[in-house]
PDB file of all heavy atoms in Angstrom:
ATOM      1  N   GLY A   1       0.819  -1.216  -0.009  1.00  0.00           N
ATOM      2  CA  GLY A   1      -0.004  -0.005   0.003  1.00  0.00           C
ATOM      3  C   GLY A   1       0.852   1.268   0.003  1.00  0.00           C
ATOM      4  O   GLY A   1       0.569   2.208  -0.746  1.00  0.00           O
ATOM      5  N   VAL A   2       1.861   1.289   0.836  1.00  0.00           N
ATOM      6  CA  VAL A   2       2.765   2.433   0.873  1.00  0.00           C
ATOM      7  C   VAL A   2       3.504   2.572  -0.461  1.00  0.00           C
ATOM      8  O   VAL A   2       3.653   3.689  -1.004  1.00  0.00           O
ATOM      9  CB  VAL A   2       3.791   2.293   2.019  1.00  0.00           C
ATOM     10  CG1 VAL A   2       4.820   3.416   1.977  1.00  0.00           C
ATOM     11  CG2 VAL A   2       3.075   2.282   3.361  1.00  0.00           C
ATOM     12  N   ASN A   3       3.921   1.461  -1.005  1.00  0.00           N
ATOM     13  CA  ASN A   3       4.628   1.469  -2.275  1.00  0.00           C
ATOM     14  C   ASN A   3       3.762   2.077  -3.388  1.00  0.00           C
ATOM     15  O   ASN A   3       4.218   2.944  -4.140  1.00  0.00           O
ATOM     16  CB  ASN A   3       5.030   0.032  -2.626  1.00  0.00           C
ATOM     17  CG  ASN A   3       5.480  -0.106  -4.065  1.00  0.00           C
ATOM     18  OD1 ASN A   3       6.475   0.497  -4.472  1.00  0.00           O
ATOM     19  ND2 ASN A   3       4.736  -0.885  -4.837  1.00  0.00           N
ATOM     20  N   GLU A   4       2.517   1.626  -3.484  1.00  0.00           N
ATOM     21  CA  GLU A   4       1.640   2.128  -4.546  1.00  0.00           C
ATOM     22  C   GLU A   4       1.375   3.615  -4.379  1.00  0.00           C
ATOM     23  O   GLU A   4       1.336   4.377  -5.368  1.00  0.00           O
ATOM     24  CB  GLU A   4       0.337   1.355  -4.556  1.00  0.00           C
ATOM     25  CG  GLU A   4      -0.596   1.767  -5.693  1.00  0.00           C
ATOM     26  CD  GLU A   4      -1.855   0.923  -5.752  1.00  0.00           C
ATOM     27  OE1 GLU A   4      -1.943  -0.052  -4.978  1.00  0.00           O
ATOM     28  OE2 GLU A   4      -2.745   1.229  -6.584  1.00  0.00           O
ATOM     29  N   PHE A   5       1.207   4.066  -3.149  1.00  0.00           N
ATOM     30  CA  PHE A   5       0.984   5.496  -2.915  1.00  0.00           C
ATOM     31  C   PHE A   5       2.187   6.319  -3.389  1.00  0.00           C
ATOM     32  O   PHE A   5       2.032   7.361  -4.031  1.00  0.00           O
ATOM     33  CB  PHE A   5       0.737   5.755  -1.430  1.00  0.00           C
ATOM     34  CG  PHE A   5       0.665   7.224  -1.079  1.00  0.00           C
ATOM     35  CD1 PHE A   5      -0.505   7.936  -1.251  1.00  0.00           C
ATOM     36  CD2 PHE A   5       1.793   7.893  -0.610  1.00  0.00           C
ATOM     37  CE1 PHE A   5      -0.565   9.303  -0.970  1.00  0.00           C
ATOM     38  CE2 PHE A   5       1.742   9.237  -0.306  1.00  0.00           C
ATOM     39  CZ  PHE A   5       0.558   9.941  -0.492  1.00  0.00           C
ATOM     40  N   LEU A   6       3.379   5.838  -3.093  1.00  0.00           N
ATOM     41  CA  LEU A   6       4.583   6.591  -3.438  1.00  0.00           C
ATOM     42  C   LEU A   6       4.762   6.726  -4.942  1.00  0.00           C
ATOM     43  O   LEU A   6       4.957   7.831  -5.444  1.00  0.00           O
ATOM     44  CB  LEU A   6       5.820   5.915  -2.821  1.00  0.00           C
ATOM     45  CG  LEU A   6       5.974   6.079  -1.290  1.00  0.00           C
ATOM     46  CD1 LEU A   6       7.155   5.261  -0.806  1.00  0.00           C
ATOM     47  CD2 LEU A   6       6.161   7.551  -0.926  1.00  0.00           C
ATOM     48  N   TRP A   7       4.686   5.601  -5.676  1.00  0.00           N
ATOM     49  CA  TRP A   7       4.952   5.736  -7.098  1.00  0.00           C
ATOM     50  C   TRP A   7       3.794   6.357  -7.863  1.00  0.00           C
ATOM     51  O   TRP A   7       3.991   6.977  -8.904  1.00  0.00           O
ATOM     52  CB  TRP A   7       5.417   4.423  -7.727  1.00  0.00           C
ATOM     53  CG  TRP A   7       4.462   3.268  -7.833  1.00  0.00           C
ATOM     54  CD1 TRP A   7       4.487   2.132  -7.094  1.00  0.00           C
ATOM     55  CD2 TRP A   7       3.397   3.100  -8.760  1.00  0.00           C
ATOM     56  NE1 TRP A   7       3.498   1.270  -7.481  1.00  0.00           N
ATOM     57  CE2 TRP A   7       2.818   1.831  -8.516  1.00  0.00           C
ATOM     58  CE3 TRP A   7       2.860   3.869  -9.781  1.00  0.00           C
ATOM     59  CZ2 TRP A   7       1.739   1.336  -9.249  1.00  0.00           C
ATOM     60  CZ3 TRP A   7       1.776   3.385 -10.517  1.00  0.00           C
ATOM     61  CH2 TRP A   7       1.217   2.134 -10.231  1.00  0.00           C
ATOM     62  N   THR A   8       2.601   6.247  -7.329  1.00  0.00           N
ATOM     63  CA  THR A   8       1.455   6.870  -8.003  1.00  0.00           C
ATOM     64  C   THR A   8       1.440   8.391  -7.798  1.00  0.00           C
ATOM     65  O   THR A   8       1.200   9.153  -8.730  1.00  0.00           O
ATOM     66  CB  THR A   8       0.132   6.286  -7.502  1.00  0.00           C
ATOM     67  OG1 THR A   8       0.133   4.867  -7.735  1.00  0.00           O
ATOM     68  CG2 THR A   8      -1.052   6.909  -8.228  1.00  0.00           C
ATOM     69  N   ASN A   9       1.672   8.829  -6.554  1.00  0.00           N
ATOM     70  CA  ASN A   9       1.509  10.236  -6.244  1.00  0.00           C
ATOM     71  C   ASN A   9       2.816  11.039  -6.205  1.00  0.00           C
ATOM     72  O   ASN A   9       2.791  12.263  -6.376  1.00  0.00           O
ATOM     73  CB  ASN A   9       0.838  10.390  -4.851  1.00  0.00           C
ATOM     74  CG  ASN A   9      -0.573   9.800  -4.841  1.00  0.00           C
ATOM     75  OD1 ASN A   9      -1.508  10.404  -5.349  1.00  0.00           O
ATOM     76  ND2 ASN A   9      -0.714   8.619  -4.270  1.00  0.00           N
ATOM     77  N   LEU A  10       3.936  10.369  -6.001  1.00  0.00           N
ATOM     78  CA  LEU A  10       5.220  11.074  -5.923  1.00  0.00           C
ATOM     79  C   LEU A  10       6.230  10.576  -6.957  1.00  0.00           C
ATOM     80  O   LEU A  10       7.407  10.934  -6.864  1.00  0.00           O
ATOM     81  CB  LEU A  10       5.811  10.921  -4.505  1.00  0.00           C
ATOM     82  CG  LEU A  10       4.992  11.525  -3.360  1.00  0.00           C
ATOM     83  CD1 LEU A  10       5.630  11.223  -2.029  1.00  0.00           C
ATOM     84  CD2 LEU A  10       4.859  13.057  -3.555  1.00  0.00           C
ATOM     85  N   GLY A  11       5.782   9.814  -7.902  1.00  0.00           N
ATOM     86  CA  GLY A  11       6.701   9.329  -8.916  1.00  0.00           C
ATOM     87  C   GLY A  11       7.392  10.437  -9.673  1.00  0.00           C
ATOM     88  O   GLY A  11       8.577  10.333 -10.015  1.00  0.00           O
ATOM     89  N   TRP A  12       6.676  11.529  -9.917  1.00  0.00           N
ATOM     90  CA  TRP A  12       7.279  12.660 -10.619  1.00  0.00           C
ATOM     91  C   TRP A  12       8.483  13.224  -9.875  1.00  0.00           C
ATOM     92  O   TRP A  12       9.451  13.683 -10.492  1.00  0.00           O
ATOM     93  CB  TRP A  12       6.221  13.778 -10.795  1.00  0.00           C
ATOM     94  CG  TRP A  12       5.614  14.221  -9.488  1.00  0.00           C
ATOM     95  CD1 TRP A  12       4.480  13.734  -8.895  1.00  0.00           C
ATOM     96  CD2 TRP A  12       6.129  15.214  -8.594  1.00  0.00           C
ATOM     97  NE1 TRP A  12       4.251  14.368  -7.699  1.00  0.00           N
ATOM     98  CE2 TRP A  12       5.223  15.283  -7.477  1.00  0.00           C
ATOM     99  CE3 TRP A  12       7.225  16.065  -8.620  1.00  0.00           C
ATOM    100  CZ2 TRP A  12       5.440  16.164  -6.414  1.00  0.00           C
ATOM    101  CZ3 TRP A  12       7.419  16.937  -7.547  1.00  0.00           C
ATOM    102  CH2 TRP A  12       6.536  16.975  -6.479  1.00  0.00           C
ATOM    103  N   ALA A  13       8.454  13.149  -8.534  1.00  0.00           N
ATOM    104  CA  ALA A  13       9.559  13.671  -7.741  1.00  0.00           C
ATOM    105  C   ALA A  13      10.825  12.827  -7.941  1.00  0.00           C
ATOM    106  O   ALA A  13      11.929  13.356  -8.048  1.00  0.00           O
ATOM    107  CB  ALA A  13       9.185  13.695  -6.263  1.00  0.00           C
ATOM    108  N   TYR A  14      10.666  11.497  -7.993  1.00  0.00           N
ATOM    109  CA  TYR A  14      11.804  10.623  -8.262  1.00  0.00           C
ATOM    110  C   TYR A  14      12.443  11.007  -9.611  1.00  0.00           C
ATOM    111  O   TYR A  14      13.670  11.054  -9.738  1.00  0.00           O
ATOM    112  CB  TYR A  14      11.365   9.166  -8.308  1.00  0.00           C
ATOM    113  CG  TYR A  14      10.958   8.565  -6.985  1.00  0.00           C
ATOM    114  CD1 TYR A  14       9.680   8.740  -6.476  1.00  0.00           C
ATOM    115  CD2 TYR A  14      11.850   7.797  -6.252  1.00  0.00           C
ATOM    116  CE1 TYR A  14       9.299   8.173  -5.263  1.00  0.00           C
ATOM    117  CE2 TYR A  14      11.495   7.217  -5.037  1.00  0.00           C
ATOM    118  CZ  TYR A  14      10.218   7.417  -4.543  1.00  0.00           C
ATOM    119  OH  TYR A  14       9.835   6.863  -3.355  1.00  0.00           O
ATOM    120  N   LEU A  15      11.605  11.253 -10.624  1.00  0.00           N
ATOM    121  CA  LEU A  15      12.113  11.588 -11.950  1.00  0.00           C
ATOM    122  C   LEU A  15      12.859  12.922 -11.942  1.00  0.00           C
ATOM    123  O   LEU A  15      13.949  13.048 -12.525  1.00  0.00           O
ATOM    124  CB  LEU A  15      10.959  11.644 -12.962  1.00  0.00           C
ATOM    125  CG  LEU A  15      10.158  10.361 -13.151  1.00  0.00           C
ATOM    126  CD1 LEU A  15       9.021  10.584 -14.142  1.00  0.00           C
ATOM    127  CD2 LEU A  15      11.043   9.218 -13.651  1.00  0.00           C
ATOM    128  N   LEU A  16      12.300  13.921 -11.297  1.00  0.00           N
ATOM    129  CA  LEU A  16      12.920  15.257 -11.278  1.00  0.00           C
ATOM    130  C   LEU A  16      14.247  15.219 -10.542  1.00  0.00           C
ATOM    131  O   LEU A  16      15.239  15.829 -10.993  1.00  0.00           O
ATOM    132  CB  LEU A  16      11.996  16.262 -10.621  1.00  0.00           C
ATOM    133  CG  LEU A  16      10.754  16.700 -11.414  1.00  0.00           C
ATOM    134  CD1 LEU A  16       9.878  17.609 -10.581  1.00  0.00           C
ATOM    135  CD2 LEU A  16      11.152  17.394 -12.716  1.00  0.00           C
ATOM    136  N   VAL A  17      14.297  14.522  -9.405  1.00  0.00           N
ATOM    137  CA  VAL A  17      15.534  14.461  -8.648  1.00  0.00           C
ATOM    138  C   VAL A  17      16.631  13.765  -9.464  1.00  0.00           C
ATOM    139  O   VAL A  17      17.766  14.234  -9.528  1.00  0.00           O
ATOM    140  CB  VAL A  17      15.316  13.727  -7.302  1.00  0.00           C
ATOM    141  CG1 VAL A  17      16.660  13.491  -6.605  1.00  0.00           C
ATOM    142  CG2 VAL A  17      14.405  14.555  -6.397  1.00  0.00           C
ATOM    143  N   MET A  18      16.290  12.650 -10.076  1.00  0.00           N
ATOM    144  CA  MET A  18      17.313  11.919 -10.839  1.00  0.00           C
ATOM    145  C   MET A  18      17.861  12.741 -11.990  1.00  0.00           C
ATOM    146  O   MET A  18      19.084  12.746 -12.251  1.00  0.00           O
ATOM    147  CB  MET A  18      16.748  10.597 -11.355  1.00  0.00           C
ATOM    148  CG  MET A  18      17.793   9.707 -12.015  1.00  0.00           C
ATOM    149  SD  MET A  18      19.114   9.196 -10.865  1.00  0.00           S
ATOM    150  CE  MET A  18      18.320   7.805 -10.057  1.00  0.00           C
ATOM    151  N   PHE A  19      16.980  13.451 -12.699  1.00  0.00           N
ATOM    152  CA  PHE A  19      17.465  14.263 -13.826  1.00  0.00           C
ATOM    153  C   PHE A  19      18.382  15.387 -13.313  1.00  0.00           C
ATOM    154  O   PHE A  19      19.390  15.704 -13.937  1.00  0.00           O
ATOM    155  CB  PHE A  19      16.275  14.855 -14.587  1.00  0.00           C
ATOM    156  CG  PHE A  19      16.685  15.621 -15.819  1.00  0.00           C
ATOM    157  CD1 PHE A  19      17.052  14.953 -16.982  1.00  0.00           C
ATOM    158  CD2 PHE A  19      16.725  17.002 -15.797  1.00  0.00           C
ATOM    159  CE1 PHE A  19      17.435  15.663 -18.110  1.00  0.00           C
ATOM    160  CE2 PHE A  19      17.107  17.726 -16.925  1.00  0.00           C
ATOM    161  CZ  PHE A  19      17.476  17.041 -18.073  1.00  0.00           C
ATOM    162  N   THR A  20      18.024  15.965 -12.180  1.00  0.00           N
ATOM    163  CA  THR A  20      18.875  17.013 -11.577  1.00  0.00           C
ATOM    164  C   THR A  20      20.261  16.462 -11.273  1.00  0.00           C
ATOM    165  O   THR A  20      21.274  17.129 -11.531  1.00  0.00           O
ATOM    166  CB  THR A  20      18.230  17.538 -10.287  1.00  0.00           C
ATOM    167  OG1 THR A  20      16.945  18.089 -10.594  1.00  0.00           O
ATOM    168  CG2 THR A  20      19.096  18.607  -9.647  1.00  0.00           C
ATOM    169  N   LEU A  21      20.328  15.265 -10.749  1.00  0.00           N
ATOM    170  CA  LEU A  21      21.620  14.667 -10.424  1.00  0.00           C
ATOM    171  C   LEU A  21      22.472  14.420 -11.678  1.00  0.00           C
ATOM    172  O   LEU A  21      23.684  14.648 -11.680  1.00  0.00           O
ATOM    173  CB  LEU A  21      21.429  13.344  -9.682  1.00  0.00           C
ATOM    174  CG  LEU A  21      20.651  13.398  -8.368  1.00  0.00           C
ATOM    175  CD1 LEU A  21      20.621  12.023  -7.719  1.00  0.00           C
ATOM    176  CD2 LEU A  21      21.241  14.413  -7.393  1.00  0.00           C
ATOM    177  N   VAL A  22      21.814  13.954 -12.745  1.00  0.00           N
ATOM    178  CA  VAL A  22      22.540  13.721 -13.992  1.00  0.00           C
ATOM    179  C   VAL A  22      23.148  15.003 -14.513  1.00  0.00           C
ATOM    180  O   VAL A  22      24.314  15.053 -14.916  1.00  0.00           O
ATOM    181  CB  VAL A  22      21.630  13.084 -15.061  1.00  0.00           C
ATOM    182  CG1 VAL A  22      22.343  12.995 -16.400  1.00  0.00           C
ATOM    183  CG2 VAL A  22      21.169  11.687 -14.629  1.00  0.00           C
ATOM    184  N   MET A  23      22.364  16.081 -14.520  1.00  0.00           N
ATOM    185  CA  MET A  23      22.868  17.354 -15.015  1.00  0.00           C
ATOM    186  C   MET A  23      24.022  17.867 -14.155  1.00  0.00           C
ATOM    187  O   MET A  23      25.004  18.417 -14.664  1.00  0.00           O
ATOM    188  CB  MET A  23      21.742  18.392 -15.013  1.00  0.00           C
ATOM    189  CG  MET A  23      20.628  18.111 -16.021  1.00  0.00           C
ATOM    190  SD  MET A  23      21.215  18.080 -17.747  1.00  0.00           S
ATOM    191  CE  MET A  23      21.323  16.286 -18.050  1.00  0.00           C
ATOM    192  N   PHE A  24      23.947  17.649 -12.848  1.00  0.00           N
ATOM    193  CA  PHE A  24      25.016  18.121 -11.974  1.00  0.00           C
ATOM    194  C   PHE A  24      26.297  17.339 -12.199  1.00  0.00           C
ATOM    195  O   PHE A  24      27.400  17.920 -12.215  1.00  0.00           O
ATOM    196  CB  PHE A  24      24.570  18.018 -10.509  1.00  0.00           C
ATOM    197  CG  PHE A  24      25.581  18.549  -9.536  1.00  0.00           C
ATOM    198  CD1 PHE A  24      25.790  19.913  -9.423  1.00  0.00           C
ATOM    199  CD2 PHE A  24      26.357  17.693  -8.762  1.00  0.00           C
ATOM    200  CE1 PHE A  24      26.732  20.424  -8.543  1.00  0.00           C
ATOM    201  CE2 PHE A  24      27.280  18.191  -7.874  1.00  0.00           C
ATOM    202  CZ  PHE A  24      27.495  19.552  -7.757  1.00  0.00           C
ATOM    203  N   VAL A  25      26.193  16.041 -12.396  1.00  0.00           N
ATOM    204  CA  VAL A  25      27.391  15.238 -12.627  1.00  0.00           C
ATOM    205  C   VAL A  25      28.044  15.619 -13.950  1.00  0.00           C
ATOM    206  O   VAL A  25      29.284  15.679 -14.060  1.00  0.00           O
ATOM    207  CB  VAL A  25      27.063  13.736 -12.572  1.00  0.00           C
ATOM    208  CG1 VAL A  25      28.208  12.908 -13.166  1.00  0.00           C
ATOM    209  CG2 VAL A  25      26.810  13.296 -11.161  1.00  0.00           C
TER     210      VAL A  25
END
């Protein structure tokens, strides 16, 4: 249940953070 909530509602945050890290590296 926690897992589904996270990727459904906050999945966009995972994507934004990862792209930010790639650009910084």
